[in-house]
């Protein structure tokens, strides 16, 4: 019987780069040299492997999700540029690969993208306009 990994168990998807030898190698490098040093090394490269890209995204999810005081001092414009860059990369990946996603993964991505559209639809823009008017 085939042993299933966490991605297969939770999301019903096939194996991903997580759990591969390349992923274990990058995790070992992170533990041996430290995450900041590995980040600097990867950023210094002109071209990154898929594992390196996913490692960076994993770190971004962690750091942006922390909402610590240092992150709150980031200029809003810079934070928006970061998010736009991530969205461009995701757009290109989905457009090029056009992956066949199972229902659970498609629903998960749909929910996360819907959450991320807060402020884009007319209802939330109306709410933001009202807040702005009250502040003026």
Protein backbone atom coordinates (compact mmCIF):
# COMPACT_ATOMS: atom_id res chain seq x y z
CA UNK A 1 0.00 0.00 0.00
CA UNK A 2 1.29 3.45 -0.96
CA UNK A 3 2.18 5.72 1.93
CA UNK A 4 0.30 9.03 1.70
CA UNK A 5 1.82 12.34 2.67
CA UNK A 6 0.11 15.25 4.43
CA UNK A 7 -0.85 17.02 1.17
CA UNK A 8 -2.55 13.88 -0.08
CA UNK A 9 -4.31 13.29 3.22
CA UNK A 10 -5.57 16.82 3.80
CA UNK A 11 -6.14 18.09 0.29
CA UNK A 12 -6.52 14.94 -1.79
CA UNK A 13 -3.73 16.00 -4.13
CA UNK A 14 -0.73 14.16 -5.46
CA UNK A 15 2.75 14.58 -4.06
CA UNK A 16 4.22 18.06 -4.30
CA UNK A 17 7.76 19.34 -3.83
CA UNK A 18 7.22 19.13 -0.08
CA UNK A 19 8.74 15.92 1.11
CA UNK A 20 11.02 15.51 -1.89
CA UNK A 21 14.76 15.15 -1.48
CA UNK A 22 15.21 18.70 -2.80
CA UNK A 23 12.83 20.01 -0.12
CA UNK A 24 14.62 18.09 2.62
CA UNK A 25 17.92 19.49 1.31
CA UNK A 26 16.74 23.10 1.48
CA UNK A 27 15.32 22.55 4.96
CA UNK A 28 18.67 21.09 6.07
CA UNK A 29 20.44 24.13 4.60
CA UNK A 30 18.00 26.40 6.46
CA UNK A 31 18.74 24.64 9.76
CA UNK A 32 22.51 24.61 9.23
CA UNK A 33 23.02 28.18 7.96
CA UNK A 34 19.93 29.91 9.35
CA UNK A 35 16.84 31.18 7.51
CA UNK A 36 18.13 34.74 7.04
CA UNK A 37 21.37 33.55 5.44
CA UNK A 38 19.52 31.14 3.16
CA UNK A 39 17.08 33.90 2.20
CA UNK A 40 19.97 36.22 1.32
CA UNK A 41 21.63 33.47 -0.71
CA UNK A 42 18.49 32.70 -2.71
CA UNK A 43 17.65 36.36 -3.31
CA UNK A 44 21.18 36.89 -4.60
CA UNK A 45 20.65 34.37 -7.39
CA UNK A 46 19.39 35.36 -10.84
CA UNK A 47 17.26 32.24 -11.22
CA UNK A 48 15.63 30.15 -8.52
CA UNK A 49 14.56 26.51 -8.51
CA UNK A 50 10.92 25.63 -7.85
CA UNK A 51 11.90 24.46 -4.37
CA UNK A 52 13.61 27.78 -3.67
CA UNK A 53 10.55 29.70 -4.88
CA UNK A 54 8.26 27.67 -2.66
CA UNK A 55 10.61 28.05 0.30
CA UNK A 56 10.49 31.84 -0.20
CA UNK A 57 6.68 31.80 -0.45
CA UNK A 58 6.47 29.69 2.70
CA UNK A 59 8.61 32.26 4.52
CA UNK A 60 6.47 35.11 3.18
CA UNK A 61 3.29 33.44 4.40
CA UNK A 62 4.85 33.03 7.83
CA UNK A 63 6.21 36.58 8.12
CA UNK A 64 3.20 38.36 6.63
CA UNK A 65 0.92 36.25 8.79
CA UNK A 66 2.72 37.25 12.01
CA UNK A 67 1.53 40.85 11.81
CA UNK A 68 4.31 41.90 14.15
CA UNK A 69 5.16 45.51 14.95
CA UNK A 70 8.12 45.64 12.56
CA UNK A 71 5.92 44.53 9.67
CA UNK A 72 3.34 47.17 10.60
CA UNK A 73 6.01 49.81 9.91
CA UNK A 74 6.40 48.73 6.27
CA UNK A 75 5.14 51.47 3.94
CA UNK A 76 1.73 50.50 2.62
CA UNK A 77 2.82 51.16 -0.98
CA UNK A 78 5.72 48.69 -0.60
CA UNK A 79 3.45 46.05 0.90
CA UNK A 80 1.04 46.45 -2.03
CA UNK A 81 3.92 46.10 -4.50
CA UNK A 82 4.97 42.89 -2.76
CA UNK A 83 1.45 41.48 -3.06
CA UNK A 84 1.19 42.53 -6.71
CA UNK A 85 4.47 40.73 -7.46
CA UNK A 86 3.16 37.58 -5.79
CA UNK A 87 -0.09 37.80 -7.73
CA UNK A 88 1.77 38.24 -11.02
CA UNK A 89 3.82 35.11 -10.31
CA UNK A 90 0.68 33.14 -9.39
CA UNK A 91 -1.12 34.41 -12.49
CA UNK A 92 1.72 33.31 -14.76
CA UNK A 93 1.97 29.93 -13.09
CA UNK A 94 -1.75 29.18 -13.32
CA UNK A 95 -1.95 30.50 -16.87
CA UNK A 96 1.04 28.50 -18.08
CA UNK A 97 0.46 25.26 -16.17
CA UNK A 98 -3.35 25.30 -16.20
CA UNK A 99 -3.27 22.53 -13.60
CA UNK A 100 -6.08 20.06 -13.17
CA UNK A 101 -6.96 20.68 -9.54
CA UNK A 102 -9.14 18.42 -7.47
CA UNK A 103 -12.31 19.84 -5.95
CA UNK A 104 -10.85 20.39 -2.47
CA UNK A 105 -7.84 22.32 -3.77
CA UNK A 106 -9.99 24.35 -6.16
CA UNK A 107 -12.37 25.25 -3.30
CA UNK A 108 -9.48 26.18 -1.01
CA UNK A 109 -7.92 28.45 -3.63
CA UNK A 110 -11.31 29.96 -4.43
CA UNK A 111 -11.97 30.81 -0.77
CA UNK A 112 -8.51 32.31 -0.27
CA UNK A 113 -8.77 34.39 -3.45
CA UNK A 114 -12.28 35.52 -2.49
CA UNK A 115 -10.98 36.62 0.93
CA UNK A 116 -8.14 38.48 -0.77
CA UNK A 117 -10.59 40.47 -2.90
CA UNK A 118 -11.82 42.36 0.15
CA UNK A 119 -11.83 46.00 -0.91
CA UNK A 120 -12.16 45.22 -4.61
CA UNK A 121 -15.88 44.62 -4.88
CA UNK A 122 -18.37 47.48 -4.82
CA UNK A 123 -19.77 46.59 -1.40
CA UNK A 124 -16.44 46.81 0.42
CA UNK A 125 -15.34 49.86 -1.59
CA UNK A 126 -18.54 51.58 -0.49
CA UNK A 127 -17.67 50.72 3.12
CA UNK A 128 -14.15 52.14 2.68
CA UNK A 129 -15.51 55.34 1.11
CA UNK A 130 -17.84 55.83 4.09
CA UNK A 131 -14.95 55.39 6.52
CA UNK A 132 -12.90 57.92 4.58
CA UNK A 133 -15.77 60.43 4.58
CA UNK A 134 -16.17 60.08 8.35
CA UNK A 135 -12.46 60.72 8.87
CA UNK A 136 -12.57 63.94 6.84
